[in-house]
Amino acid sequence: MNSRRVGLLLISSIIIVILAAWLSSTRTTTKATLAGQPVIQGFDNGAVNSVTEIRLSKGDGTKTTLKKGSTDWSVGERDYPADSGKVRKLLLDLAALNVIEEKTSVAENYPTLGVEDTTSNKATGTHVDIVTPAKTYSLIIGKTSGAKSGYVRVANTAPSLLAAPLITVDADPRRWLDHSLIDIAQERIKEFTVKPAEGPGYTASRPNKDTSDFAVAEIPKGRKLSSPAAADPIAGSLGSVSLDDVQKLPATAPTGVAHTVFTTFEGLKIDVTGHKEGNKSLVSFTTTASDPATEMEAKSLTARLNGWEFEIPSYKYDGLFRPLEELLEKLPEKGDKKKPGAAAGPAGPPGLPQGLPPGLPPGLMSPGPGK
């Protein structure tokens, strides 16, 4: 091999090494510049207040539309107030969402991270549309990666990203409702009347707030309460009631309805109507006031509760409409009773005293009178 060829090979090797180093440097620089950058370009804290709608959807057809009103947010699929604090947190987290590192850009690998297009019912991610007057920002939120980060992909772009903070969204409308329903403290209750769907009704009351236990009327003759405080929990059943779901009050009145009417010392009256529908426990409310002191409260409750039927936890429902029998001391269990003095052993053959074993030798039997 002559010196000229050696020189050419040496020059070629040097060029290849330089080119490889340049490519490696370019690739590293490109990825490094993504770290710390906003995932949703142009959407920052300043843009949060301009959002008019948020749409969440999954491949299985589940969807939620969050709509901004003049003062608050609502859930479009229920036409009912949303948890505005939860909506606000979602928007702030989206605005603060920054890239940690770039992941795969190969579509076949998206399902591993949960960032595939949500057009398939097998897709696991959630598609988010953030609507503003100027632009709609779209993002696919995929699987989590630890406690502080998760995988995302800007819709209609190739790169998937590991980003923080961790954002988890649910496209079920029930998850975005304002779950606070009613909260009337037990100490306010003066009287309540319960009319279960089945069984006798009853009334419980107390003369003043200093009396802790409620006296129950209409107790059957021969029965008594299981304890002096047996009815007290019912008086507290309007405290911290939350809803699981909500629907418009049906036009046709349901069957198997229960009623409990609560009256406070201040003259507020709350009529709770309830019924079961499959595994759902549904209630509705009617509020009135017999005293000026509670007129504003009654109007506020009416404005929020009137015209709606609420699904509540079953234990809360059962507490509102407890049957009278559950407040009473249990009756003795029924069973066969032996007559006093009855022998424990089997009956002997005719002519033998009861309780003696059969087959007793005749000589052991006592002779009858005159023998």
Protein backbone atom coordinates (compact mmCIF):
# COMPACT_ATOMS: atom_id res chain seq x y z
CA MET A 1 0.00 0.00 0.00
CA ASN A 2 1.60 3.29 -1.13
CA SER A 3 1.74 6.40 0.98
CA ARG A 4 -0.92 8.19 -1.10
CA ARG A 5 -3.53 5.52 -0.36
CA VAL A 6 -2.62 5.52 3.31
CA GLY A 7 -3.09 9.28 3.37
CA LEU A 8 -6.51 9.04 1.73
CA LEU A 9 -7.65 6.40 4.21
CA LEU A 10 -6.42 8.52 7.08
CA ILE A 11 -8.26 11.59 5.81
CA SER A 12 -11.45 9.55 5.26
CA SER A 13 -11.29 8.17 8.80
CA ILE A 14 -10.84 11.64 10.24
CA ILE A 15 -13.86 12.94 8.26
CA ILE A 16 -16.03 10.04 9.44
CA VAL A 17 -15.06 10.61 13.08
CA ILE A 18 -15.77 14.35 12.80
CA LEU A 19 -19.14 13.72 11.11
CA ALA A 20 -20.18 11.20 13.76
CA ALA A 21 -19.20 13.56 16.54
CA TRP A 22 -21.18 16.37 14.90
CA LEU A 23 -24.29 14.23 14.51
CA SER A 24 -24.05 13.04 18.10
CA SER A 25 -23.59 16.58 19.33
CA THR A 26 -26.55 17.83 17.28
CA ARG A 27 -28.81 15.06 18.53
CA THR A 28 -27.86 15.67 22.15
CA THR A 29 -28.33 19.40 21.82
CA THR A 30 -31.78 18.98 20.23
CA LYS A 31 -33.04 16.78 23.06
CA ALA A 32 -31.43 18.93 25.72
CA THR A 33 -33.20 22.02 24.46
CA LEU A 34 -36.61 20.30 24.98
CA ALA A 35 -36.04 19.77 28.71
CA GLY A 36 -37.77 22.46 30.73
CA GLN A 37 -39.77 23.76 27.78
CA PRO A 38 -43.60 24.09 27.99
CA VAL A 39 -45.45 21.12 26.58
CA ILE A 40 -48.29 23.30 25.28
CA GLN A 41 -46.58 26.16 23.47
CA GLY A 42 -48.40 29.46 23.98
CA PHE A 43 -50.58 28.25 26.85
CA ASP A 44 -49.40 29.80 30.11
CA ASN A 45 -50.91 31.24 33.29
CA GLY A 46 -51.93 34.35 31.37
CA ALA A 47 -54.02 32.24 29.00
CA VAL A 48 -55.79 30.32 31.77
CA ASN A 49 -58.41 33.01 32.36
CA SER A 50 -59.30 33.11 28.66
CA VAL A 51 -60.39 29.44 28.55
CA THR A 52 -64.10 29.08 27.80
CA GLU A 53 -64.41 25.31 27.55
CA ILE A 54 -62.53 22.10 28.31
CA ARG A 55 -63.40 18.88 26.53
CA LEU A 56 -62.26 15.50 27.88
CA SER A 57 -62.80 12.29 25.93
CA LYS A 58 -61.71 8.66 25.82
CA GLY A 59 -61.76 6.03 23.14
CA ASP A 60 -64.61 4.14 24.83
CA GLY A 61 -66.95 7.10 24.28
CA THR A 62 -66.76 8.55 27.80
CA LYS A 63 -66.67 12.34 27.67
CA THR A 64 -67.05 15.47 29.77
CA THR A 65 -67.57 19.05 28.62
CA LEU A 66 -66.67 21.70 31.17
CA LYS A 67 -68.21 25.07 30.34
CA LYS A 68 -67.31 28.43 31.81
CA GLY A 69 -70.27 30.60 32.80
CA SER A 70 -70.40 34.20 33.92
CA THR A 71 -69.19 33.30 37.41
CA ASP A 72 -68.48 29.58 37.54
CA TRP A 73 -68.01 26.31 35.67
CA SER A 74 -70.61 23.67 34.85
CA VAL A 75 -70.65 20.08 33.60
CA GLY A 76 -72.34 20.13 30.20
CA GLU A 77 -73.48 16.50 30.29
CA ARG A 78 -75.41 17.20 33.52
CA ASP A 79 -76.11 20.92 33.14
CA TYR A 80 -75.07 21.15 36.77
CA PRO A 81 -72.35 23.13 38.61
CA ALA A 82 -68.83 21.74 38.40
CA ASP A 83 -66.19 21.70 41.10
CA SER A 84 -64.60 24.97 40.01
CA GLY A 85 -61.57 24.50 42.24
CA LYS A 86 -60.80 21.19 40.54
CA VAL A 87 -61.23 22.75 37.08
CA ARG A 88 -58.94 25.64 38.01
CA LYS A 89 -56.24 23.26 39.25
CA LEU A 90 -56.37 21.31 35.98
CA LEU A 91 -55.86 24.50 33.95
CA LEU A 92 -52.96 25.69 36.12
CA ASP A 93 -51.29 22.27 35.91
CA LEU A 94 -51.65 22.27 32.11
CA ALA A 95 -50.12 25.74 31.92
CA ALA A 96 -47.21 24.61 34.12
CA LEU A 97 -46.65 21.33 32.23
CA ASN A 98 -42.98 21.18 31.22
CA VAL A 99 -40.92 18.62 29.31
CA ILE A 100 -38.57 16.38 31.25
CA GLU A 101 -37.40 14.43 28.20
CA GLU A 102 -38.52 13.35 24.77
CA LYS A 103 -39.68 9.75 24.36
CA THR A 104 -40.73 7.72 21.33
CA SER A 105 -41.97 9.25 18.07
CA VAL A 106 -42.94 5.84 16.65
CA ALA A 107 -46.74 5.51 16.55
CA GLU A 108 -46.58 1.74 17.12
CA ASN A 109 -44.99 2.42 20.51
CA TYR A 110 -47.54 5.00 21.70
CA PRO A 111 -49.80 2.44 23.46
CA THR A 112 -46.95 1.55 25.81
CA LEU A 113 -47.10 5.11 27.16
CA GLY A 114 -50.87 5.50 26.72
CA VAL A 115 -50.55 8.40 24.26
CA GLU A 116 -52.07 6.81 21.14
CA ASP A 117 -54.91 8.60 19.33
CA THR A 118 -58.20 8.15 21.19
CA THR A 119 -60.10 7.20 18.04
CA SER A 120 -59.84 3.53 19.06
CA ASN A 121 -61.91 2.06 21.89
CA LYS A 122 -58.73 0.31 23.04
CA ALA A 123 -56.93 3.60 23.66
CA THR A 124 -56.15 4.17 27.33
CA GLY A 125 -55.27 7.87 27.27
CA THR A 126 -57.52 10.91 27.61
CA HIS A 127 -57.81 13.55 24.89
CA VAL A 128 -58.00 17.10 26.24
CA ASP A 129 -59.13 20.13 24.22
CA ILE A 130 -58.56 23.53 25.84
CA VAL A 131 -60.73 26.07 24.05
CA THR A 132 -59.95 29.80 24.03
CA PRO A 133 -61.32 32.53 21.72
CA ALA A 134 -58.00 32.61 19.87
CA LYS A 135 -57.05 28.94 19.69
CA THR A 136 -57.85 25.38 20.78
CA TYR A 137 -54.96 23.50 22.38
CA SER A 138 -55.13 19.69 22.21
CA LEU A 139 -53.19 17.18 24.27
CA ILE A 140 -53.28 13.44 24.95
CA ILE A 141 -52.59 12.53 28.56
CA GLY A 142 -51.24 9.03 28.97
CA LYS A 143 -49.92 6.83 31.73
CA THR A 144 -48.19 7.96 34.90
CA SER A 145 -44.45 7.61 35.51
CA GLY A 146 -43.97 7.71 39.24
CA ALA A 147 -45.64 10.15 41.61
CA LYS A 148 -44.68 13.43 39.94
CA SER A 149 -44.63 12.92 36.18
CA GLY A 150 -46.48 11.26 33.33
CA TYR A 151 -46.47 10.71 29.57
CA VAL A 152 -48.18 13.13 27.21
CA ARG A 153 -48.29 13.95 23.52
CA VAL A 154 -49.47 17.10 21.81
CA ALA A 155 -52.22 15.96 19.44
CA ASN A 156 -51.21 15.65 15.78
CA THR A 157 -47.50 15.72 16.59
CA ALA A 158 -45.07 12.80 16.63
CA PRO A 159 -42.96 13.15 19.79
CA SER A 160 -44.25 11.71 23.04
CA LEU A 161 -42.94 13.35 26.16
CA LEU A 162 -42.25 12.67 29.80
CA ALA A 163 -43.56 15.76 31.56
CA ALA A 164 -44.28 17.24 34.98
CA PRO A 165 -46.33 17.98 37.00
CA LEU A 166 -48.29 14.75 36.93
CA ILE A 167 -51.74 15.32 35.44
CA THR A 168 -54.49 12.73 35.86
CA VAL A 169 -57.89 13.39 34.32
CA ASP A 170 -61.14 11.43 34.28
CA ALA A 171 -63.58 11.81 31.39
CA ASP A 172 -66.52 10.63 33.53
CA PRO A 173 -68.86 13.64 34.09
CA ARG A 174 -69.61 12.50 37.63
CA ARG A 175 -66.00 13.17 38.68
CA TRP A 176 -66.29 16.89 37.86
CA LEU A 177 -69.55 17.69 39.65
CA ASP A 178 -69.68 19.94 42.68
CA HIS A 179 -70.32 17.13 45.17
CA SER A 180 -71.35 19.35 48.08
CA LEU A 181 -75.09 18.94 48.56
CA ILE A 182 -76.47 20.01 51.94
CA ASP A 183 -75.08 20.46 55.43
CA ILE A 184 -77.52 21.05 58.30
CA ALA A 185 -76.01 20.47 61.73
CA GLN A 186 -77.79 18.10 64.12
CA GLU A 187 -77.81 20.76 66.85
CA ARG A 188 -80.24 22.83 64.75
CA ILE A 189 -82.88 20.12 64.42
CA LYS A 190 -85.95 20.42 66.64
CA GLU A 191 -88.19 17.74 65.12
CA PHE A 192 -88.38 15.25 62.29
CA THR A 193 -91.12 13.03 60.91
CA VAL A 194 -90.23 9.84 59.08
CA LYS A 195 -92.58 8.05 56.67
CA PRO A 196 -90.69 5.04 55.28
CA ALA A 197 -91.70 3.47 52.00
CA GLU A 198 -92.93 0.51 54.05
CA GLY A 199 -93.97 0.23 57.69
CA PRO A 200 -95.36 2.75 60.18
CA GLY A 201 -94.27 6.36 60.36
CA TYR A 202 -93.16 8.19 63.48
CA THR A 203 -92.15 11.59 64.84
CA ALA A 204 -89.20 12.47 67.06
CA SER A 205 -88.66 15.80 68.80
CA ARG A 206 -86.95 17.63 71.63
CA PRO A 207 -88.08 20.75 73.49
CA ASN A 208 -84.82 22.72 73.25
CA LYS A 209 -81.20 22.52 72.10
CA ASP A 210 -80.01 21.64 75.60
CA THR A 211 -81.90 18.35 75.37
CA SER A 212 -79.62 15.98 73.53
CA ASP A 213 -81.94 13.01 72.90
CA PHE A 214 -85.04 12.97 70.73
CA ALA A 215 -88.26 11.54 72.18
CA VAL A 216 -90.09 9.26 69.74
CA ALA A 217 -93.87 9.25 69.50
CA GLU A 218 -96.02 6.41 68.17
CA ILE A 219 -94.03 3.65 69.87
CA PRO A 220 -96.12 0.45 69.78
CA LYS A 221 -97.61 -0.75 73.06
CA GLY A 222 -95.27 -3.05 74.93
CA ARG A 223 -92.19 -1.84 73.03
CA LYS A 224 -89.47 0.66 73.90
CA LEU A 225 -86.47 2.34 72.29
CA SER A 226 -83.22 0.38 72.22
CA SER A 227 -81.63 3.39 73.96
CA PRO A 228 -82.61 6.98 74.80
CA ALA A 229 -80.39 8.14 71.90
CA ALA A 230 -81.77 5.68 69.34
CA ALA A 231 -83.31 8.39 67.13
CA ASP A 232 -80.47 10.95 67.45
CA PRO A 233 -78.48 9.82 64.36
CA ILE A 234 -81.46 10.57 62.11
CA ALA A 235 -81.37 14.19 63.26
CA GLY A 236 -77.75 14.34 62.10
CA SER A 237 -78.33 12.70 58.72
CA LEU A 238 -78.49 16.07 56.90
CA GLY A 239 -74.94 16.87 57.95
CA SER A 240 -72.25 16.90 55.22
CA VAL A 241 -74.36 15.15 52.57
CA SER A 242 -72.54 14.77 49.26
CA LEU A 243 -73.82 13.60 45.89
CA ASP A 244 -72.48 10.86 43.63
CA ASP A 245 -74.48 11.93 40.58
CA VAL A 246 -77.38 14.16 39.60
CA GLN A 247 -80.25 14.17 37.12
CA LYS A 248 -83.31 16.27 36.38
CA LEU A 249 -86.31 15.51 38.56
CA PRO A 250 -88.52 13.06 36.60
CA ALA A 251 -91.88 14.32 35.35
CA THR A 252 -93.63 11.18 36.62
CA ALA A 253 -93.53 10.61 40.36
CA PRO A 254 -91.77 7.35 41.28
CA THR A 255 -93.34 4.59 43.36
CA GLY A 256 -92.12 3.29 46.71
CA VAL A 257 -91.34 6.77 47.98
CA ALA A 258 -90.12 7.59 51.48
CA HIS A 259 -90.33 11.00 53.21
CA THR A 260 -88.52 12.61 56.08
CA VAL A 261 -89.39 16.18 57.08
CA PHE A 262 -86.88 18.04 59.27
CA THR A 263 -87.74 21.23 61.18
CA THR A 264 -85.10 23.44 62.78
CA PHE A 265 -85.49 25.64 65.84
CA GLU A 266 -85.21 28.66 63.51
CA GLY A 267 -88.21 27.62 61.41
CA LEU A 268 -86.44 26.06 58.41
CA LYS A 269 -88.30 23.02 57.05
CA ILE A 270 -86.63 20.49 54.73
CA ASP A 271 -88.73 17.76 53.12
CA VAL A 272 -86.53 14.94 51.81
CA THR A 273 -88.13 12.54 49.34
CA GLY A 274 -86.33 9.31 48.50
CA HIS A 275 -86.65 6.14 46.47
CA LYS A 276 -84.52 3.32 45.16
CA GLU A 277 -83.85 2.77 41.47
CA GLY A 278 -81.86 -0.41 40.95
CA ASN A 279 -78.68 0.08 42.97
CA LYS A 280 -79.13 3.87 43.07
CA SER A 281 -80.33 5.75 46.15
CA LEU A 282 -82.09 8.91 44.94
CA VAL A 283 -83.34 11.90 46.92
CA SER A 284 -84.87 15.30 46.22
CA PHE A 285 -85.44 18.29 48.50
CA THR A 286 -88.16 20.86 49.15
CA THR A 287 -87.28 23.70 51.53
CA THR A 288 -89.54 26.30 53.14
CA ALA A 289 -89.29 28.75 56.04
CA SER A 290 -91.86 29.69 58.66
CA ASP A 291 -89.66 32.38 60.19
CA PRO A 292 -88.04 35.45 58.58
CA ALA A 293 -84.73 34.41 60.13
CA THR A 294 -84.41 31.49 57.70
CA GLU A 295 -86.15 32.87 54.60
CA MET A 296 -82.87 33.69 52.83
CA GLU A 297 -81.45 30.27 53.65
CA ALA A 298 -84.58 28.56 52.34
CA LYS A 299 -84.41 30.56 49.09
CA SER A 300 -80.73 29.75 48.63
CA LEU A 301 -81.32 26.02 49.16
CA THR A 302 -84.33 26.07 46.83
CA ALA A 303 -82.34 27.77 44.07
CA ARG A 304 -79.63 25.12 44.29
CA LEU A 305 -81.68 21.97 44.96
CA ASN A 306 -85.09 22.50 43.37
CA GLY A 307 -85.79 20.49 40.21
CA TRP A 308 -82.97 17.97 40.76
CA GLU A 309 -82.78 14.38 41.88
CA PHE A 310 -79.53 13.42 43.57
CA GLU A 311 -77.83 10.07 43.88
CA ILE A 312 -76.28 9.80 47.34
CA PRO A 313 -74.33 7.03 49.12
CA SER A 314 -76.60 4.21 50.27
CA TYR A 315 -75.56 4.55 53.92
CA LYS A 316 -76.65 8.20 53.89
CA TYR A 317 -79.97 7.24 52.30
CA ASP A 318 -80.61 4.53 54.90
CA GLY A 319 -79.84 7.00 57.68
CA LEU A 320 -82.47 9.45 56.40
CA PHE A 321 -85.33 6.94 56.25
CA ARG A 322 -84.72 4.51 59.13
CA PRO A 323 -87.75 2.32 59.90
CA LEU A 324 -89.23 2.54 63.39
CA GLU A 325 -88.39 -1.11 64.05
CA GLU A 326 -84.66 -0.31 63.85
CA LEU A 327 -85.03 2.12 66.76
CA LEU A 328 -86.76 -0.33 69.08
CA GLU A 329 -85.41 -2.90 71.47
CA LYS A 330 -85.38 -6.32 69.85
CA LEU A 331 -88.17 -8.73 70.68
CA PRO A 332 -87.23 -12.10 72.27
CA GLU A 333 -86.59 -14.73 69.66
CA LYS A 334 -89.48 -17.13 69.18
CA GLY A 335 -88.82 -20.84 69.92
CA ASP A 336 -90.36 -24.03 71.30
CA LYS A 337 -90.71 -23.89 75.09
CA LYS A 338 -90.73 -27.08 77.25
CA LYS A 339 -93.41 -27.45 79.89
CA PRO A 340 -92.18 -27.03 83.45
CA GLY A 341 -91.21 -30.41 84.97
CA ALA A 342 -91.13 -32.22 81.64
CA ALA A 343 -88.66 -35.11 81.64
CA ALA A 344 -85.63 -34.89 79.44
CA GLY A 345 -85.56 -38.58 78.49
CA PRO A 346 -87.66 -40.34 75.84
CA ALA A 347 -91.25 -41.37 76.58
CA GLY A 348 -91.71 -45.00 77.78
CA PRO A 349 -94.33 -47.45 76.57
CA PRO A 350 -97.97 -47.08 77.66
CA GLY A 351 -98.43 -47.69 81.36
CA LEU A 352 -94.96 -46.46 82.34
CA PRO A 353 -94.43 -43.13 84.03
CA GLN A 354 -93.10 -40.50 81.71
CA GLY A 355 -89.34 -40.19 81.79
CA LEU A 356 -88.56 -43.86 82.62
CA PRO A 357 -86.56 -45.73 80.02
CA PRO A 358 -88.42 -48.37 78.01
CA GLY A 359 -87.78 -52.04 78.75
CA LEU A 360 -87.68 -51.61 82.53
CA PRO A 361 -88.08 -55.05 84.19
CA PRO A 362 -91.57 -55.55 85.67
CA GLY A 363 -90.08 -56.27 89.10
CA LEU A 364 -88.73 -52.78 89.34
CA MET A 365 -92.12 -51.22 88.75
CA SER A 366 -93.99 -50.07 91.85
CA PRO A 367 -97.13 -52.13 92.47
CA GLY A 368 -100.37 -50.34 92.02
CA PRO A 369 -102.70 -49.58 94.93
CA GLY A 370 -104.17 -52.60 96.65
CA LYS A 371 -101.55 -55.02 95.22
